[in-house]
Amino acid sequence: MTYATIDPATAPIVSVAESKTVLETTLSAALEHARRLTAMYGTNNAEAVFAWEAVEELNVALAHKQAPVQTAFARYCDANPGAPEARIYDV
């Protein structure tokens, strides 16, 4: 297996919306690759095991990317609901 080095000066700029699509595409390609290796060589083959590990890592990356990010202020309000800053006023 060979890896390519990416030059930051010439790397394409990918927006957040596109990077999610790229990650999902990479995950589906890795999943298909792992399935083919398993079908060809069985479950005890080292290449198949590494392919499934890559699928698992991509799954974790996708789940981490989709997790909502909570701000420090929101965490403060959750921890201190009685604080004046955490009060919500209806107008």
C-alpha atoms as a PDB file:
ATOM      1  CA  MET A   1       0.000   0.000   0.000  1.00  0.00           C
ATOM      2  CA  THR A   2       1.393   3.398  -0.940  1.00  0.00           C
ATOM      3  CA  TYR A   3       0.481   6.779   0.444  1.00  0.00           C
ATOM      4  CA  ALA A   4       0.593  10.085  -1.373  1.00  0.00           C
ATOM      5  CA  THR A   5       2.018  13.217   0.200  1.00  0.00           C
ATOM      6  CA  ILE A   6      -0.204  16.272  -0.122  1.00  0.00           C
ATOM      7  CA  ASP A   7       1.437  19.634  -0.669  1.00  0.00           C
ATOM      8  CA  PRO A   8      -0.563  22.268   1.295  1.00  0.00           C
ATOM      9  CA  ALA A   9       0.250  24.915  -1.303  1.00  0.00           C
ATOM     10  CA  THR A  10      -1.371  22.960  -4.129  1.00  0.00           C
ATOM     11  CA  ALA A  11      -4.045  21.062  -2.176  1.00  0.00           C
ATOM     12  CA  PRO A  12      -7.612  21.889  -3.182  1.00  0.00           C
ATOM     13  CA  ILE A  13      -9.669  23.935  -0.766  1.00  0.00           C
ATOM     14  CA  VAL A  14     -12.616  21.918   0.498  1.00  0.00           C
ATOM     15  CA  SER A  15     -15.501  23.529   2.344  1.00  0.00           C
ATOM     16  CA  VAL A  16     -17.138  21.964   5.397  1.00  0.00           C
ATOM     17  CA  ALA A  17     -20.158  20.829   3.370  1.00  0.00           C
ATOM     18  CA  GLU A  18     -17.936  19.230   0.734  1.00  0.00           C
ATOM     19  CA  SER A  19     -15.636  17.585   3.261  1.00  0.00           C
ATOM     20  CA  LYS A  20     -18.575  15.687   4.739  1.00  0.00           C
ATOM     21  CA  THR A  21     -19.450  14.384   1.309  1.00  0.00           C
ATOM     22  CA  VAL A  22     -15.820  13.442   0.703  1.00  0.00           C
ATOM     23  CA  LEU A  23     -15.697  11.616   4.038  1.00  0.00           C
ATOM     24  CA  GLU A  24     -18.881   9.692   3.264  1.00  0.00           C
ATOM     25  CA  THR A  25     -17.575   8.819  -0.197  1.00  0.00           C
ATOM     26  CA  THR A  26     -14.281   7.633   1.253  1.00  0.00           C
ATOM     27  CA  LEU A  27     -16.140   5.552   3.827  1.00  0.00           C
ATOM     28  CA  SER A  28     -18.284   3.845   1.206  1.00  0.00           C
ATOM     29  CA  ALA A  29     -15.206   3.109  -0.956  1.00  0.00           C
ATOM     30  CA  ALA A  30     -13.333   1.691   2.048  1.00  0.00           C
ATOM     31  CA  LEU A  31     -16.345  -0.426   2.971  1.00  0.00           C
ATOM     32  CA  GLU A  32     -16.581  -1.854  -0.532  1.00  0.00           C
ATOM     33  CA  HIS A  33     -12.826  -2.536  -0.540  1.00  0.00           C
ATOM     34  CA  ALA A  34     -13.010  -4.336   2.813  1.00  0.00           C
ATOM     35  CA  ARG A  35     -15.956  -6.445   1.620  1.00  0.00           C
ATOM     36  CA  ARG A  36     -14.099  -7.469  -1.538  1.00  0.00           C
ATOM     37  CA  LEU A  37     -10.935  -8.391   0.339  1.00  0.00           C
ATOM     38  CA  THR A  38     -12.966 -10.431   2.809  1.00  0.00           C
ATOM     39  CA  ALA A  39     -14.778 -12.217  -0.013  1.00  0.00           C
ATOM     40  CA  MET A  40     -11.520 -12.971  -1.857  1.00  0.00           C
ATOM     41  CA  TYR A  41      -9.220 -13.907   1.040  1.00  0.00           C
ATOM     42  CA  GLY A  42     -11.443 -14.593   4.033  1.00  0.00           C
ATOM     43  CA  THR A  43     -11.636 -12.977   7.441  1.00  0.00           C
ATOM     44  CA  ASN A  44      -8.199 -14.077   8.674  1.00  0.00           C
ATOM     45  CA  ASN A  45      -6.216 -12.250   5.990  1.00  0.00           C
ATOM     46  CA  ALA A  46      -4.108  -9.350   7.262  1.00  0.00           C
ATOM     47  CA  GLU A  47      -5.118  -7.052   4.396  1.00  0.00           C
ATOM     48  CA  ALA A  48      -8.802  -7.664   5.104  1.00  0.00           C
ATOM     49  CA  VAL A  49      -8.291  -6.953   8.798  1.00  0.00           C
ATOM     50  CA  PHE A  50      -6.509  -3.669   8.024  1.00  0.00           C
ATOM     51  CA  ALA A  51      -9.248  -2.723   5.572  1.00  0.00           C
ATOM     52  CA  TRP A  52     -11.916  -3.257   8.221  1.00  0.00           C
ATOM     53  CA  GLU A  53      -9.875  -1.197  10.699  1.00  0.00           C
ATOM     54  CA  ALA A  54      -9.807   1.631   8.154  1.00  0.00           C
ATOM     55  CA  VAL A  55     -13.595   1.368   7.812  1.00  0.00           C
ATOM     56  CA  GLU A  56     -13.961   1.578  11.569  1.00  0.00           C
ATOM     57  CA  GLU A  57     -11.710   4.646  11.795  1.00  0.00           C
ATOM     58  CA  LEU A  58     -13.637   6.387   9.020  1.00  0.00           C
ATOM     59  CA  ASN A  59     -16.908   5.572  10.813  1.00  0.00           C
ATOM     60  CA  VAL A  60     -15.572   7.148  14.000  1.00  0.00           C
ATOM     61  CA  ALA A  61     -14.382  10.215  12.083  1.00  0.00           C
ATOM     62  CA  LEU A  62     -17.791  10.612  10.457  1.00  0.00           C
ATOM     63  CA  ALA A  63     -19.599  10.243  13.787  1.00  0.00           C
ATOM     64  CA  HIS A  64     -17.238  12.753  15.393  1.00  0.00           C
ATOM     65  CA  LYS A  65     -17.792  15.233  12.581  1.00  0.00           C
ATOM     66  CA  GLN A  66     -21.574  14.946  12.888  1.00  0.00           C
ATOM     67  CA  ALA A  67     -21.587  15.438  16.673  1.00  0.00           C
ATOM     68  CA  PRO A  68     -22.924  18.864  17.650  1.00  0.00           C
ATOM     69  CA  VAL A  69     -20.382  21.191  19.200  1.00  0.00           C
ATOM     70  CA  GLN A  70     -21.528  22.877  22.398  1.00  0.00           C
ATOM     71  CA  THR A  71     -20.115  26.296  23.235  1.00  0.00           C
ATOM     72  CA  ALA A  72     -18.487  27.112  26.544  1.00  0.00           C
ATOM     73  CA  PHE A  73     -21.377  29.452  27.365  1.00  0.00           C
ATOM     74  CA  ALA A  74     -23.932  26.681  26.751  1.00  0.00           C
ATOM     75  CA  ARG A  75     -21.965  24.334  29.026  1.00  0.00           C
ATOM     76  CA  TYR A  76     -21.879  27.077  31.688  1.00  0.00           C
ATOM     77  CA  CYS A  77     -25.642  27.585  31.422  1.00  0.00           C
ATOM     78  CA  ASP A  78     -26.235  23.833  31.715  1.00  0.00           C
ATOM     79  CA  ALA A  79     -24.005  23.624  34.790  1.00  0.00           C
ATOM     80  CA  ASN A  80     -25.464  26.777  36.399  1.00  0.00           C
ATOM     81  CA  PRO A  81     -29.158  27.030  35.508  1.00  0.00           C
ATOM     82  CA  GLY A  82     -29.818  29.567  38.273  1.00  0.00           C
ATOM     83  CA  ALA A  83     -27.178  32.041  37.108  1.00  0.00           C
ATOM     84  CA  PRO A  84     -28.474  35.372  35.787  1.00  0.00           C
ATOM     85  CA  GLU A  85     -26.679  34.780  32.501  1.00  0.00           C
ATOM     86  CA  ALA A  86     -28.524  31.489  32.012  1.00  0.00           C
ATOM     87  CA  ARG A  87     -32.024  32.940  32.366  1.00  0.00           C
ATOM     88  CA  ILE A  88     -34.262  33.005  29.337  1.00  0.00           C
ATOM     89  CA  TYR A  89     -36.717  35.847  29.093  1.00  0.00           C
ATOM     90  CA  ASP A  90     -39.838  35.741  26.932  1.00  0.00           C
ATOM     91  CA  VAL A  91     -40.639  39.073  25.363  1.00  0.00           C
END
